Amino acid sequence: MGKKGDKLALGTEFYTGYQFKQVVLEYALNKAKNIKQTRWDKTKLEFKCGIGGNCKWKVYCAYDKPSQKWIIKTRYESHSCSRNGKC
């Protein structure tokens, strides 16, 4: 894991896509950020800031066949938007 306690750090591994989704939901609730799922299929999941505009926050996770785990491949962690408390 990247920063202490950062469950969405680049390179973090998950056993299932569902486990990754749960961690994103936990993040959204704890940070009071509006997050939307923008990509979903058998091997790829992506979430972006739900506010839109200029906010670049996103996290992308893909299934890695050799390790048989889901791995966070991309993360832009800074929100440039304001909290709105919606999830």
PDB file of N, CA and C in Angstrom:
ATOM      1  N   MET A   1       0.839  -1.179   0.000  1.00  0.00           N
ATOM      2  CA  MET A   1       0.000   0.000   0.000  1.00  0.00           C
ATOM      3  C   MET A   1       0.879   1.235   0.000  1.00  0.00           C
ATOM      4  N   GLY A   2       0.387   2.313  -0.602  1.00  0.00           N
ATOM      5  CA  GLY A   2       1.129   3.560  -0.693  1.00  0.00           C
ATOM      6  C   GLY A   2       1.184   4.257   0.649  1.00  0.00           C
ATOM      7  N   LYS A   3       0.491   5.381   0.775  1.00  0.00           N
ATOM      8  CA  LYS A   3       0.456   6.120   2.024  1.00  0.00           C
ATOM      9  C   LYS A   3      -0.136   5.236   3.109  1.00  0.00           C
ATOM     10  N   LYS A   4       0.258   5.527   4.323  1.00  0.00           N
ATOM     11  CA  LYS A   4      -0.216   4.738   5.455  1.00  0.00           C
ATOM     12  C   LYS A   4      -1.751   4.661   5.453  1.00  0.00           C
ATOM     13  N   GLY A   5      -2.268   3.459   5.339  1.00  0.00           N
ATOM     14  CA  GLY A   5      -3.705   3.236   5.376  1.00  0.00           C
ATOM     15  C   GLY A   5      -4.443   3.547   4.082  1.00  0.00           C
ATOM     16  N   ASP A   6      -3.730   3.872   3.017  1.00  0.00           N
ATOM     17  CA  ASP A   6      -4.371   4.200   1.737  1.00  0.00           C
ATOM     18  C   ASP A   6      -4.723   2.918   0.998  1.00  0.00           C
ATOM     19  N   LYS A   7      -5.992   2.548   1.051  1.00  0.00           N
ATOM     20  CA  LYS A   7      -6.441   1.307   0.418  1.00  0.00           C
ATOM     21  C   LYS A   7      -6.606   1.443  -1.091  1.00  0.00           C
ATOM     22  N   LEU A   8      -6.475   2.668  -1.612  1.00  0.00           N
ATOM     23  CA  LEU A   8      -6.601   2.902  -3.051  1.00  0.00           C
ATOM     24  C   LEU A   8      -5.269   3.323  -3.667  1.00  0.00           C
ATOM     25  N   ALA A   9      -4.182   2.933  -3.059  1.00  0.00           N
ATOM     26  CA  ALA A   9      -2.854   3.295  -3.572  1.00  0.00           C
ATOM     27  C   ALA A   9      -2.556   2.537  -4.864  1.00  0.00           C
ATOM     28  N   LEU A  10      -1.768   3.156  -5.713  1.00  0.00           N
ATOM     29  CA  LEU A  10      -1.331   2.532  -6.954  1.00  0.00           C
ATOM     30  C   LEU A  10      -0.667   1.192  -6.640  1.00  0.00           C
ATOM     31  N   GLY A  11      -1.058   0.142  -7.344  1.00  0.00           N
ATOM     32  CA  GLY A  11      -0.474  -1.178  -7.143  1.00  0.00           C
ATOM     33  C   GLY A  11      -1.173  -2.043  -6.107  1.00  0.00           C
ATOM     34  N   THR A  12      -2.171  -1.486  -5.416  1.00  0.00           N
ATOM     35  CA  THR A  12      -2.909  -2.275  -4.428  1.00  0.00           C
ATOM     36  C   THR A  12      -3.639  -3.412  -5.134  1.00  0.00           C
ATOM     37  N   GLU A  13      -3.611  -4.590  -4.526  1.00  0.00           N
ATOM     38  CA  GLU A  13      -4.215  -5.787  -5.123  1.00  0.00           C
ATOM     39  C   GLU A  13      -5.491  -6.181  -4.386  1.00  0.00           C
ATOM     40  N   PHE A  14      -6.440  -6.694  -5.151  1.00  0.00           N
ATOM     41  CA  PHE A  14      -7.708  -7.177  -4.616  1.00  0.00           C
ATOM     42  C   PHE A  14      -7.982  -8.557  -5.197  1.00  0.00           C
ATOM     43  N   TYR A  15      -8.664  -9.388  -4.441  1.00  0.00           N
ATOM     44  CA  TYR A  15      -9.001 -10.723  -4.926  1.00  0.00           C
ATOM     45  C   TYR A  15     -10.171 -10.701  -5.902  1.00  0.00           C
ATOM     46  N   THR A  16     -11.063  -9.709  -5.756  1.00  0.00           N
ATOM     47  CA  THR A  16     -12.228  -9.615  -6.642  1.00  0.00           C
ATOM     48  C   THR A  16     -12.487  -8.156  -7.015  1.00  0.00           C
ATOM     49  N   GLY A  17     -13.203  -7.958  -8.110  1.00  0.00           N
ATOM     50  CA  GLY A  17     -13.626  -6.619  -8.489  1.00  0.00           C
ATOM     51  C   GLY A  17     -14.597  -6.053  -7.467  1.00  0.00           C
ATOM     52  N   TYR A  18     -15.414  -6.918  -6.888  1.00  0.00           N
ATOM     53  CA  TYR A  18     -16.362  -6.489  -5.863  1.00  0.00           C
ATOM     54  C   TYR A  18     -15.623  -5.897  -4.663  1.00  0.00           C
ATOM     55  N   GLN A  19     -14.521  -6.516  -4.264  1.00  0.00           N
ATOM     56  CA  GLN A  19     -13.725  -6.021  -3.141  1.00  0.00           C
ATOM     57  C   GLN A  19     -13.206  -4.607  -3.454  1.00  0.00           C
ATOM     58  N   PHE A  20     -12.745  -4.382  -4.679  1.00  0.00           N
ATOM     59  CA  PHE A  20     -12.290  -3.058  -5.101  1.00  0.00           C
ATOM     60  C   PHE A  20     -13.434  -2.043  -5.014  1.00  0.00           C
ATOM     61  N   LYS A  21     -14.619  -2.417  -5.500  1.00  0.00           N
ATOM     62  CA  LYS A  21     -15.778  -1.526  -5.458  1.00  0.00           C
ATOM     63  C   LYS A  21     -16.128  -1.132  -4.025  1.00  0.00           C
ATOM     64  N   GLN A  22     -16.043  -2.085  -3.115  1.00  0.00           N
ATOM     65  CA  GLN A  22     -16.349  -1.814  -1.711  1.00  0.00           C
ATOM     66  C   GLN A  22     -15.373  -0.792  -1.128  1.00  0.00           C
ATOM     67  N   VAL A  23     -14.099  -0.896  -1.487  1.00  0.00           N
ATOM     68  CA  VAL A  23     -13.089   0.049  -0.991  1.00  0.00           C
ATOM     69  C   VAL A  23     -13.358   1.448  -1.558  1.00  0.00           C
ATOM     70  N   VAL A  24     -13.766   1.539  -2.825  1.00  0.00           N
ATOM     71  CA  VAL A  24     -14.102   2.839  -3.420  1.00  0.00           C
ATOM     72  C   VAL A  24     -15.317   3.440  -2.713  1.00  0.00           C
ATOM     73  N   LEU A  25     -16.323   2.627  -2.433  1.00  0.00           N
ATOM     74  CA  LEU A  25     -17.509   3.103  -1.721  1.00  0.00           C
ATOM     75  C   LEU A  25     -17.130   3.617  -0.332  1.00  0.00           C
ATOM     76  N   GLU A  26     -16.297   2.876   0.372  1.00  0.00           N
ATOM     77  CA  GLU A  26     -15.829   3.291   1.695  1.00  0.00           C
ATOM     78  C   GLU A  26     -15.106   4.643   1.599  1.00  0.00           C
ATOM     79  N   TYR A  27     -14.258   4.806   0.595  1.00  0.00           N
ATOM     80  CA  TYR A  27     -13.546   6.064   0.377  1.00  0.00           C
ATOM     81  C   TYR A  27     -14.546   7.210   0.164  1.00  0.00           C
ATOM     82  N   ALA A  28     -15.527   6.994  -0.722  1.00  0.00           N
ATOM     83  CA  ALA A  28     -16.512   8.032  -1.033  1.00  0.00           C
ATOM     84  C   ALA A  28     -17.294   8.450   0.210  1.00  0.00           C
ATOM     85  N   LEU A  29     -17.678   7.492   1.014  1.00  0.00           N
ATOM     86  CA  LEU A  29     -18.431   7.799   2.231  1.00  0.00           C
ATOM     87  C   LEU A  29     -17.569   8.516   3.258  1.00  0.00           C
ATOM     88  N   ASN A  30     -16.338   8.066   3.452  1.00  0.00           N
ATOM     89  CA  ASN A  30     -15.439   8.684   4.428  1.00  0.00           C
ATOM     90  C   ASN A  30     -15.031  10.099   4.038  1.00  0.00           C
ATOM     91  N   LYS A  31     -14.852  10.342   2.753  1.00  0.00           N
ATOM     92  CA  LYS A  31     -14.406  11.659   2.272  1.00  0.00           C
ATOM     93  C   LYS A  31     -15.568  12.553   1.845  1.00  0.00           C
ATOM     94  N   ALA A  32     -16.794  12.018   1.888  1.00  0.00           N
ATOM     95  CA  ALA A  32     -17.996  12.744   1.457  1.00  0.00           C
ATOM     96  C   ALA A  32     -17.833  13.263   0.033  1.00  0.00           C
ATOM     97  N   LYS A  33     -17.362  12.391  -0.857  1.00  0.00           N
ATOM     98  CA  LYS A  33     -17.151  12.743  -2.259  1.00  0.00           C
ATOM     99  C   LYS A  33     -18.154  12.011  -3.139  1.00  0.00           C
ATOM    100  N   ASN A  34     -18.558  12.665  -4.203  1.00  0.00           N
ATOM    101  CA  ASN A  34     -19.472  12.072  -5.168  1.00  0.00           C
ATOM    102  C   ASN A  34     -18.636  11.339  -6.214  1.00  0.00           C
ATOM    103  N   ILE A  35     -18.689  10.027  -6.220  1.00  0.00           N
ATOM    104  CA  ILE A  35     -17.892   9.188  -7.115  1.00  0.00           C
ATOM    105  C   ILE A  35     -18.850   8.430  -8.033  1.00  0.00           C
ATOM    106  N   LYS A  36     -18.505   8.328  -9.310  1.00  0.00           N
ATOM    107  CA  LYS A  36     -19.344   7.537 -10.214  1.00  0.00           C
ATOM    108  C   LYS A  36     -18.491   6.497 -10.935  1.00  0.00           C
ATOM    109  N   GLN A  37     -19.099   5.364 -11.195  1.00  0.00           N
ATOM    110  CA  GLN A  37     -18.419   4.295 -11.926  1.00  0.00           C
ATOM    111  C   GLN A  37     -18.539   4.597 -13.412  1.00  0.00           C
ATOM    112  N   THR A  38     -17.385   4.676 -14.100  1.00  0.00           N
ATOM    113  CA  THR A  38     -17.377   5.057 -15.510  1.00  0.00           C
ATOM    114  C   THR A  38     -16.980   3.915 -16.435  1.00  0.00           C
ATOM    115  N   ARG A  39     -16.456   2.849 -15.881  1.00  0.00           N
ATOM    116  CA  ARG A  39     -16.084   1.692 -16.708  1.00  0.00           C
ATOM    117  C   ARG A  39     -16.320   0.428 -15.893  1.00  0.00           C
ATOM    118  N   TRP A  40     -16.943  -0.552 -16.531  1.00  0.00           N
ATOM    119  CA  TRP A  40     -17.147  -1.844 -15.878  1.00  0.00           C
ATOM    120  C   TRP A  40     -17.270  -2.919 -16.943  1.00  0.00           C
ATOM    121  N   ASP A  41     -16.452  -3.903 -16.832  1.00  0.00           N
ATOM    122  CA  ASP A  41     -16.579  -5.115 -17.635  1.00  0.00           C
ATOM    123  C   ASP A  41     -15.869  -6.234 -16.887  1.00  0.00           C
ATOM    124  N   LYS A  42     -15.651  -7.347 -17.533  1.00  0.00           N
ATOM    125  CA  LYS A  42     -15.094  -8.517 -16.842  1.00  0.00           C
ATOM    126  C   LYS A  42     -13.687  -8.299 -16.302  1.00  0.00           C
ATOM    127  N   THR A  43     -12.926  -7.389 -16.913  1.00  0.00           N
ATOM    128  CA  THR A  43     -11.524  -7.228 -16.511  1.00  0.00           C
ATOM    129  C   THR A  43     -11.126  -5.795 -16.166  1.00  0.00           C
ATOM    130  N   LYS A  44     -12.043  -4.848 -16.207  1.00  0.00           N
ATOM    131  CA  LYS A  44     -11.707  -3.443 -15.965  1.00  0.00           C
ATOM    132  C   LYS A  44     -12.796  -2.750 -15.167  1.00  0.00           C
ATOM    133  N   LEU A  45     -12.378  -1.939 -14.195  1.00  0.00           N
ATOM    134  CA  LEU A  45     -13.294  -1.111 -13.423  1.00  0.00           C
ATOM    135  C   LEU A  45     -12.658   0.260 -13.250  1.00  0.00           C
ATOM    136  N   GLU A  46     -13.471   1.313 -13.404  1.00  0.00           N
ATOM    137  CA  GLU A  46     -12.947   2.663 -13.244  1.00  0.00           C
ATOM    138  C   GLU A  46     -13.985   3.533 -12.563  1.00  0.00           C
ATOM    139  N   PHE A  47     -13.514   4.379 -11.662  1.00  0.00           N
ATOM    140  CA  PHE A  47     -14.355   5.352 -10.984  1.00  0.00           C
ATOM    141  C   PHE A  47     -13.736   6.724 -11.167  1.00  0.00           C
ATOM    142  N   LYS A  48     -14.606   7.732 -11.365  1.00  0.00           N
ATOM    143  CA  LYS A  48     -14.155   9.116 -11.495  1.00  0.00           C
ATOM    144  C   LYS A  48     -14.973   9.985 -10.553  1.00  0.00           C
ATOM    145  N   CYS A  49     -14.482  11.202 -10.356  1.00  0.00           N
ATOM    146  CA  CYS A  49     -15.218  12.166  -9.549  1.00  0.00           C
ATOM    147  C   CYS A  49     -16.566  12.412 -10.201  1.00  0.00           C
ATOM    148  N   GLY A  50     -17.626  12.362  -9.413  1.00  0.00           N
ATOM    149  CA  GLY A  50     -18.972  12.532  -9.944  1.00  0.00           C
ATOM    150  C   GLY A  50     -19.374  13.980 -10.140  1.00  0.00           C
ATOM    151  N   ILE A  51     -18.573  14.910  -9.653  1.00  0.00           N
ATOM    152  CA  ILE A  51     -18.877  16.327  -9.802  1.00  0.00           C
ATOM    153  C   ILE A  51     -18.636  16.766 -11.240  1.00  0.00           C
ATOM    154  N   GLY A  52     -17.614  16.157 -11.857  1.00  0.00           N
ATOM    155  CA  GLY A  52     -17.280  16.523 -13.236  1.00  0.00           C
ATOM    156  C   GLY A  52     -16.444  17.787 -13.273  1.00  0.00           C
ATOM    157  N   GLY A  53     -16.622  18.581 -14.292  1.00  0.00           N
ATOM    158  CA  GLY A  53     -15.859  19.819 -14.410  1.00  0.00           C
ATOM    159  C   GLY A  53     -14.377  19.542 -14.581  1.00  0.00           C
ATOM    160  N   ASN A  54     -13.566  20.266 -13.845  1.00  0.00           N
ATOM    161  CA  ASN A  54     -12.113  20.147 -13.970  1.00  0.00           C
ATOM    162  C   ASN A  54     -11.490  19.144 -13.006  1.00  0.00           C
ATOM    163  N   CYS A  55     -12.280  18.522 -12.152  1.00  0.00           N
ATOM    164  CA  CYS A  55     -11.721  17.579 -11.183  1.00  0.00           C
ATOM    165  C   CYS A  55     -11.190  16.340 -11.907  1.00  0.00           C
ATOM    166  N   LYS A  56      -9.938  16.009 -11.648  1.00  0.00           N
ATOM    167  CA  LYS A  56      -9.267  14.908 -12.352  1.00  0.00           C
ATOM    168  C   LYS A  56      -9.240  13.599 -11.553  1.00  0.00           C
ATOM    169  N   TRP A  57      -9.854  13.575 -10.343  1.00  0.00           N
ATOM    170  CA  TRP A  57      -9.760  12.376  -9.509  1.00  0.00           C
ATOM    171  C   TRP A  57     -10.302  11.171 -10.266  1.00  0.00           C
ATOM    172  N   LYS A  58      -9.523  10.092 -10.231  1.00  0.00           N
ATOM    173  CA  LYS A  58     -10.006   8.825 -10.788  1.00  0.00           C
ATOM    174  C   LYS A  58      -9.149   7.688 -10.258  1.00  0.00           C
ATOM    175  N   VAL A  59      -9.735   6.502 -10.294  1.00  0.00           N
ATOM    176  CA  VAL A  59      -9.007   5.287  -9.939  1.00  0.00           C
ATOM    177  C   VAL A  59      -9.449   4.196 -10.916  1.00  0.00           C
ATOM    178  N   TYR A  60      -8.459   3.483 -11.457  1.00  0.00           N
ATOM    179  CA  TYR A  60      -8.700   2.453 -12.469  1.00  0.00           C
ATOM    180  C   TYR A  60      -8.051   1.158 -11.998  1.00  0.00           C
ATOM    181  N   CYS A  61      -8.804   0.088 -12.056  1.00  0.00           N
ATOM    182  CA  CYS A  61      -8.336  -1.214 -11.598  1.00  0.00           C
ATOM    183  C   CYS A  61      -8.596  -2.235 -12.706  1.00  0.00           C
ATOM    184  N   ALA A  62      -7.625  -3.117 -12.941  1.00  0.00           N
ATOM    185  CA  ALA A  62      -7.772  -4.127 -13.994  1.00  0.00           C
ATOM    186  C   ALA A  62      -7.376  -5.496 -13.459  1.00  0.00           C
ATOM    187  N   TYR A  63      -7.988  -6.517 -14.039  1.00  0.00           N
ATOM    188  CA  TYR A  63      -7.672  -7.890 -13.661  1.00  0.00           C
ATOM    189  C   TYR A  63      -6.354  -8.295 -14.310  1.00  0.00           C
ATOM    190  N   ASP A  64      -5.466  -8.863 -13.503  1.00  0.00           N
ATOM    191  CA  ASP A  64      -4.159  -9.322 -13.972  1.00  0.00           C
ATOM    192  C   ASP A  64      -4.176 -10.851 -14.013  1.00  0.00           C
ATOM    193  N   LYS A  65      -4.178 -11.419 -15.222  1.00  0.00           N
ATOM    194  CA  LYS A  65      -4.278 -12.877 -15.366  1.00  0.00           C
ATOM    195  C   LYS A  65      -3.163 -13.641 -14.657  1.00  0.00           C
ATOM    196  N   PRO A  66      -1.880 -13.253 -14.829  1.00  0.00           N
ATOM    197  CA  PRO A  66      -0.813 -14.037 -14.192  1.00  0.00           C
ATOM    198  C   PRO A  66      -0.966 -14.167 -12.667  1.00  0.00           C
ATOM    199  N   SER A  67      -1.333 -13.070 -12.004  1.00  0.00           N
ATOM    200  CA  SER A  67      -1.471 -13.121 -10.543  1.00  0.00           C
ATOM    201  C   SER A  67      -2.882 -13.500 -10.113  1.00  0.00           C
ATOM    202  N   GLN A  68      -3.840 -13.451 -11.045  1.00  0.00           N
ATOM    203  CA  GLN A  68      -5.253 -13.722 -10.779  1.00  0.00           C
ATOM    204  C   GLN A  68      -5.810 -12.789  -9.704  1.00  0.00           C
ATOM    205  N   LYS A  69      -5.383 -11.513  -9.783  1.00  0.00           N
ATOM    206  CA  LYS A  69      -5.853 -10.492  -8.850  1.00  0.00           C
ATOM    207  C   LYS A  69      -6.212  -9.230  -9.622  1.00  0.00           C
ATOM    208  N   TRP A  70      -7.011  -8.399  -8.995  1.00  0.00           N
ATOM    209  CA  TRP A  70      -7.329  -7.075  -9.511  1.00  0.00           C
ATOM    210  C   TRP A  70      -6.290  -6.116  -8.943  1.00  0.00           C
ATOM    211  N   ILE A  71      -5.709  -5.264  -9.796  1.00  0.00           N
ATOM    212  CA  ILE A  71      -4.636  -4.366  -9.371  1.00  0.00           C
ATOM    213  C   ILE A  71      -4.962  -2.939  -9.802  1.00  0.00           C
ATOM    214  N   ILE A  72      -4.775  -1.980  -8.890  1.00  0.00           N
ATOM    215  CA  ILE A  72      -4.961  -0.577  -9.246  1.00  0.00           C
ATOM    216  C   ILE A  72      -3.813  -0.155 -10.149  1.00  0.00           C
ATOM    217  N   LYS A  73      -4.169   0.257 -11.368  1.00  0.00           N
ATOM    218  CA  LYS A  73      -3.181   0.618 -12.394  1.00  0.00           C
ATOM    219  C   LYS A  73      -3.000   2.129 -12.523  1.00  0.00           C
ATOM    220  N   THR A  74      -4.074   2.891 -12.271  1.00  0.00           N
ATOM    221  CA  THR A  74      -4.028   4.346 -12.407  1.00  0.00           C
ATOM    222  C   THR A  74      -4.757   4.983 -11.239  1.00  0.00           C
ATOM    223  N   ARG A  75      -4.175   6.069 -10.718  1.00  0.00           N
ATOM    224  CA  ARG A  75      -4.842   6.809  -9.645  1.00  0.00           C
ATOM    225  C   ARG A  75      -4.432   8.265  -9.701  1.00  0.00           C
ATOM    226  N   TYR A  76      -5.400   9.135  -9.866  1.00  0.00           N
ATOM    227  CA  TYR A  76      -5.201  10.577  -9.714  1.00  0.00           C
ATOM    228  C   TYR A  76      -5.901  10.917  -8.417  1.00  0.00           C
ATOM    229  N   GLU A  77      -5.134  11.201  -7.366  1.00  0.00           N
ATOM    230  CA  GLU A  77      -5.743  11.262  -6.048  1.00  0.00           C
ATOM    231  C   GLU A  77      -6.206  12.628  -5.578  1.00  0.00           C
ATOM    232  N   SER A  78      -5.896  13.686  -6.282  1.00  0.00           N
ATOM    233  CA  SER A  78      -6.296  15.019  -5.826  1.00  0.00           C
ATOM    234  C   SER A  78      -7.652  15.414  -6.389  1.00  0.00           C
ATOM    235  N   HIS A  79      -8.551  15.768  -5.469  1.00  0.00           N
ATOM    236  CA  HIS A  79      -9.848  16.315  -5.873  1.00  0.00           C
ATOM    237  C   HIS A  79      -9.689  17.831  -5.969  1.00  0.00           C
ATOM    238  N   SER A  80     -10.158  18.417  -7.047  1.00  0.00           N
ATOM    239  CA  SER A  80     -10.146  19.875  -7.171  1.00  0.00           C
ATOM    240  C   SER A  80     -11.565  20.426  -7.035  1.00  0.00           C
ATOM    241  N   CYS A  81     -12.465  19.570  -6.607  1.00  0.00           N
ATOM    242  CA  CYS A  81     -13.865  19.961  -6.445  1.00  0.00           C
ATOM    243  C   CYS A  81     -14.179  20.145  -4.958  1.00  0.00           C
ATOM    244  N   SER A  82     -15.377  20.617  -4.677  1.00  0.00           N
ATOM    245  CA  SER A  82     -15.834  20.780  -3.302  1.00  0.00           C
ATOM    246  C   SER A  82     -16.647  19.564  -2.894  1.00  0.00           C
ATOM    247  N   ARG A  83     -16.675  19.301  -1.609  1.00  0.00           N
ATOM    248  CA  ARG A  83     -17.513  18.214  -1.098  1.00  0.00           C
ATOM    249  C   ARG A  83     -18.974  18.573  -1.281  1.00  0.00           C
ATOM    250  N   ASN A  84     -19.756  17.579  -1.633  1.00  0.00           N
ATOM    251  CA  ASN A  84     -21.200  17.809  -1.658  1.00  0.00           C
ATOM    252  C   ASN A  84     -21.938  16.739  -0.867  1.00  0.00           C
ATOM    253  N   GLY A  85     -21.214  15.732  -0.388  1.00  0.00           N
ATOM    254  CA  GLY A  85     -21.798  14.725   0.473  1.00  0.00           C
ATOM    255  C   GLY A  85     -22.652  13.687  -0.215  1.00  0.00           C
ATOM    256  N   LYS A  86     -22.746  13.735  -1.538  1.00  0.00           N
ATOM    257  CA  LYS A  86     -23.537  12.745  -2.262  1.00  0.00           C
ATOM    258  C   LYS A  86     -22.647  11.593  -2.686  1.00  0.00           C
ATOM    259  N   CYS A  87     -23.224  10.424  -2.770  1.00  0.00           N
ATOM    260  CA  CYS A  87     -22.448   9.255  -3.174  1.00  0.00           C
ATOM    261  C   CYS A  87     -23.259   8.429  -4.133  1.00  0.00           C
TER     262      CYS A  87
END
